[in-house]
Amino acid sequence: MIAREWKCLCPTRHREGFLKHLEFTGVREARQTAGYLGHLVLERLDMACHAGRSGSVEIGLTTFWESWEAVHAFAGDDPERAVLYSGDERYEIVPDKHVRHYDVLEKGER
């Protein structure tokens, strides 16, 4: 299994709207791609790491894929480049332009 991690900085005033936008863009497209195994949407509020960007939250989307072929089906020929969507600019996000991939060695269950 492969985990694909993307993050952005989002002004808190746009948080709710951006989370809905993320659901209707990146999450929806991932769900419709063969080999998609699930996702996590994460949020972190840590002003110390965002000097000069007070009033923002970091939002992360981690998607899980069964193979590199599935990652390529979602991300295209350059899977290290972030998949960004029309309308992102409305929420004044500062998106990572690149993503990180991880081989999932173990996934714990309760």
C-alpha atoms as a PDB file:
ATOM      1  CA  MET A   1       0.000   0.000   0.000  1.00  0.00           C
ATOM      2  CA  ILE A   2       1.184   3.524  -0.793  1.00  0.00           C
ATOM      3  CA  ALA A   3       0.261   6.640   1.188  1.00  0.00           C
ATOM      4  CA  ARG A   4       0.236   9.958  -0.677  1.00  0.00           C
ATOM      5  CA  GLU A   5       0.503  13.038   1.551  1.00  0.00           C
ATOM      6  CA  TRP A   6      -0.394  16.611   0.545  1.00  0.00           C
ATOM      7  CA  LYS A   7      -0.764  19.710   2.737  1.00  0.00           C
ATOM      8  CA  CYS A   8      -1.788  23.324   2.529  1.00  0.00           C
ATOM      9  CA  LEU A   9      -2.055  26.329   4.774  1.00  0.00           C
ATOM     10  CA  CYS A  10      -5.624  27.666   4.927  1.00  0.00           C
ATOM     11  CA  PRO A  11      -6.879  30.867   6.568  1.00  0.00           C
ATOM     12  CA  THR A  12      -9.224  29.886   9.404  1.00  0.00           C
ATOM     13  CA  ARG A  13     -11.959  32.107   7.926  1.00  0.00           C
ATOM     14  CA  HIS A  14     -12.016  29.793   4.865  1.00  0.00           C
ATOM     15  CA  ARG A  15     -11.599  26.494   6.742  1.00  0.00           C
ATOM     16  CA  GLU A  16     -15.189  25.215   6.453  1.00  0.00           C
ATOM     17  CA  GLY A  17     -15.549  26.219   2.817  1.00  0.00           C
ATOM     18  CA  PHE A  18     -12.208  24.746   1.834  1.00  0.00           C
ATOM     19  CA  LEU A  19     -12.934  21.434   3.562  1.00  0.00           C
ATOM     20  CA  LYS A  20     -16.157  21.141   1.528  1.00  0.00           C
ATOM     21  CA  HIS A  21     -14.257  22.110  -1.637  1.00  0.00           C
ATOM     22  CA  LEU A  22     -11.611  19.462  -0.873  1.00  0.00           C
ATOM     23  CA  GLU A  23     -14.320  16.830  -0.480  1.00  0.00           C
ATOM     24  CA  PHE A  24     -15.847  17.708  -3.872  1.00  0.00           C
ATOM     25  CA  THR A  25     -12.512  17.871  -5.716  1.00  0.00           C
ATOM     26  CA  GLY A  26      -9.526  15.849  -4.517  1.00  0.00           C
ATOM     27  CA  VAL A  27     -11.378  13.380  -2.318  1.00  0.00           C
ATOM     28  CA  ARG A  28     -14.086  12.748  -4.924  1.00  0.00           C
ATOM     29  CA  GLU A  29     -11.550  12.276  -7.724  1.00  0.00           C
ATOM     30  CA  ALA A  30      -9.482   9.908  -5.575  1.00  0.00           C
ATOM     31  CA  ARG A  31     -12.566   7.822  -4.711  1.00  0.00           C
ATOM     32  CA  GLN A  32     -13.382   7.475  -8.404  1.00  0.00           C
ATOM     33  CA  THR A  33      -9.882   6.225  -9.289  1.00  0.00           C
ATOM     34  CA  ALA A  34      -9.227   2.485  -9.505  1.00  0.00           C
ATOM     35  CA  GLY A  35      -6.868   1.373  -6.760  1.00  0.00           C
ATOM     36  CA  TYR A  36      -8.027   3.952  -4.186  1.00  0.00           C
ATOM     37  CA  LEU A  37      -8.064   2.433  -0.692  1.00  0.00           C
ATOM     38  CA  GLY A  38      -9.191   5.322   1.521  1.00  0.00           C
ATOM     39  CA  HIS A  39      -8.092   8.680   2.871  1.00  0.00           C
ATOM     40  CA  LEU A  40      -7.539  10.856   5.924  1.00  0.00           C
ATOM     41  CA  VAL A  41      -8.184  14.592   6.211  1.00  0.00           C
ATOM     42  CA  LEU A  42      -5.989  16.079   8.935  1.00  0.00           C
ATOM     43  CA  GLU A  43      -5.810  19.487  10.554  1.00  0.00           C
ATOM     44  CA  ARG A  44      -3.100  21.105  12.640  1.00  0.00           C
ATOM     45  CA  LEU A  45      -3.137  24.436  14.412  1.00  0.00           C
ATOM     46  CA  ASP A  46       0.416  25.398  15.316  1.00  0.00           C
ATOM     47  CA  MET A  47       1.225  29.071  15.027  1.00  0.00           C
ATOM     48  CA  ALA A  48       4.892  28.534  15.892  1.00  0.00           C
ATOM     49  CA  CYS A  49       5.524  26.783  12.589  1.00  0.00           C
ATOM     50  CA  HIS A  50       3.594  29.371  10.563  1.00  0.00           C
ATOM     51  CA  ALA A  51       5.370  32.568  11.494  1.00  0.00           C
ATOM     52  CA  GLY A  52       3.669  35.461   9.793  1.00  0.00           C
ATOM     53  CA  ARG A  53       0.556  33.413   8.936  1.00  0.00           C
ATOM     54  CA  SER A  54      -1.416  33.691  12.163  1.00  0.00           C
ATOM     55  CA  GLY A  55      -5.035  32.776  11.811  1.00  0.00           C
ATOM     56  CA  SER A  56      -4.278  29.788   9.597  1.00  0.00           C
ATOM     57  CA  VAL A  57      -4.582  26.050   9.911  1.00  0.00           C
ATOM     58  CA  GLU A  58      -2.620  23.372   8.133  1.00  0.00           C
ATOM     59  CA  ILE A  59      -4.889  20.930   6.344  1.00  0.00           C
ATOM     60  CA  GLY A  60      -3.553  17.641   5.072  1.00  0.00           C
ATOM     61  CA  LEU A  61      -4.986  15.017   2.759  1.00  0.00           C
ATOM     62  CA  THR A  62      -3.450  11.563   2.858  1.00  0.00           C
ATOM     63  CA  THR A  63      -4.774   9.078   0.341  1.00  0.00           C
ATOM     64  CA  PHE A  64      -4.014   5.362   0.242  1.00  0.00           C
ATOM     65  CA  TRP A  65      -3.390   3.401  -2.943  1.00  0.00           C
ATOM     66  CA  GLU A  66      -2.928  -0.247  -3.786  1.00  0.00           C
ATOM     67  CA  SER A  67      -0.071   0.329  -6.259  1.00  0.00           C
ATOM     68  CA  TRP A  68       2.096   2.862  -8.069  1.00  0.00           C
ATOM     69  CA  GLU A  69      -0.090   2.304 -11.122  1.00  0.00           C
ATOM     70  CA  ALA A  70      -3.071   3.551  -9.105  1.00  0.00           C
ATOM     71  CA  VAL A  71      -1.079   6.601  -7.930  1.00  0.00           C
ATOM     72  CA  HIS A  72      -0.207   7.389 -11.558  1.00  0.00           C
ATOM     73  CA  ALA A  73      -3.858   6.955 -12.587  1.00  0.00           C
ATOM     74  CA  PHE A  74      -4.781   9.656 -10.064  1.00  0.00           C
ATOM     75  CA  ALA A  75      -1.768  11.983 -10.313  1.00  0.00           C
ATOM     76  CA  GLY A  76      -0.626  11.562 -13.903  1.00  0.00           C
ATOM     77  CA  ASP A  77       2.893  11.268 -15.284  1.00  0.00           C
ATOM     78  CA  ASP A  78       4.515  13.301 -12.484  1.00  0.00           C
ATOM     79  CA  PRO A  79       3.150  11.762  -9.274  1.00  0.00           C
ATOM     80  CA  GLU A  80       5.395  13.942  -7.091  1.00  0.00           C
ATOM     81  CA  ARG A  81       3.549  17.058  -8.264  1.00  0.00           C
ATOM     82  CA  ALA A  82       0.438  18.031  -6.311  1.00  0.00           C
ATOM     83  CA  VAL A  83      -2.938  17.756  -7.996  1.00  0.00           C
ATOM     84  CA  LEU A  84      -4.525  21.187  -7.554  1.00  0.00           C
ATOM     85  CA  TYR A  85      -8.023  22.208  -8.579  1.00  0.00           C
ATOM     86  CA  SER A  86      -9.822  25.123 -10.103  1.00  0.00           C
ATOM     87  CA  GLY A  87     -11.400  27.110  -7.302  1.00  0.00           C
ATOM     88  CA  ASP A  88      -8.601  26.477  -4.778  1.00  0.00           C
ATOM     89  CA  GLU A  89      -7.615  30.142  -5.073  1.00  0.00           C
ATOM     90  CA  ARG A  90     -11.004  31.210  -3.705  1.00  0.00           C
ATOM     91  CA  TYR A  91      -9.937  29.924  -0.289  1.00  0.00           C
ATOM     92  CA  GLU A  92      -6.571  31.721  -0.296  1.00  0.00           C
ATOM     93  CA  ILE A  93      -4.723  28.513   0.502  1.00  0.00           C
ATOM     94  CA  VAL A  94      -0.964  28.213   0.315  1.00  0.00           C
ATOM     95  CA  PRO A  95      -0.674  24.733  -1.189  1.00  0.00           C
ATOM     96  CA  ASP A  96       2.294  22.434  -1.224  1.00  0.00           C
ATOM     97  CA  LYS A  97       3.203  22.021  -4.880  1.00  0.00           C
ATOM     98  CA  HIS A  98       4.761  18.627  -4.259  1.00  0.00           C
ATOM     99  CA  VAL A  99       3.549  15.588  -2.348  1.00  0.00           C
ATOM    100  CA  ARG A 100       5.288  12.864  -0.400  1.00  0.00           C
ATOM    101  CA  HIS A 101       4.740   9.175  -0.890  1.00  0.00           C
ATOM    102  CA  TYR A 102       5.301   6.474   1.693  1.00  0.00           C
ATOM    103  CA  ASP A 103       5.273   2.691   1.505  1.00  0.00           C
ATOM    104  CA  VAL A 104       2.868   1.589   4.217  1.00  0.00           C
ATOM    105  CA  LEU A 105       4.713  -1.102   6.138  1.00  0.00           C
ATOM    106  CA  GLU A 106       2.026  -1.733   8.714  1.00  0.00           C
ATOM    107  CA  LYS A 107      -1.513  -0.534   9.285  1.00  0.00           C
ATOM    108  CA  GLY A 108      -2.821  -1.127  12.766  1.00  0.00           C
ATOM    109  CA  GLU A 109      -6.425  -1.970  13.439  1.00  0.00           C
ATOM    110  CA  ARG A 110      -8.185  -2.139  16.757  1.00  0.00           C
END
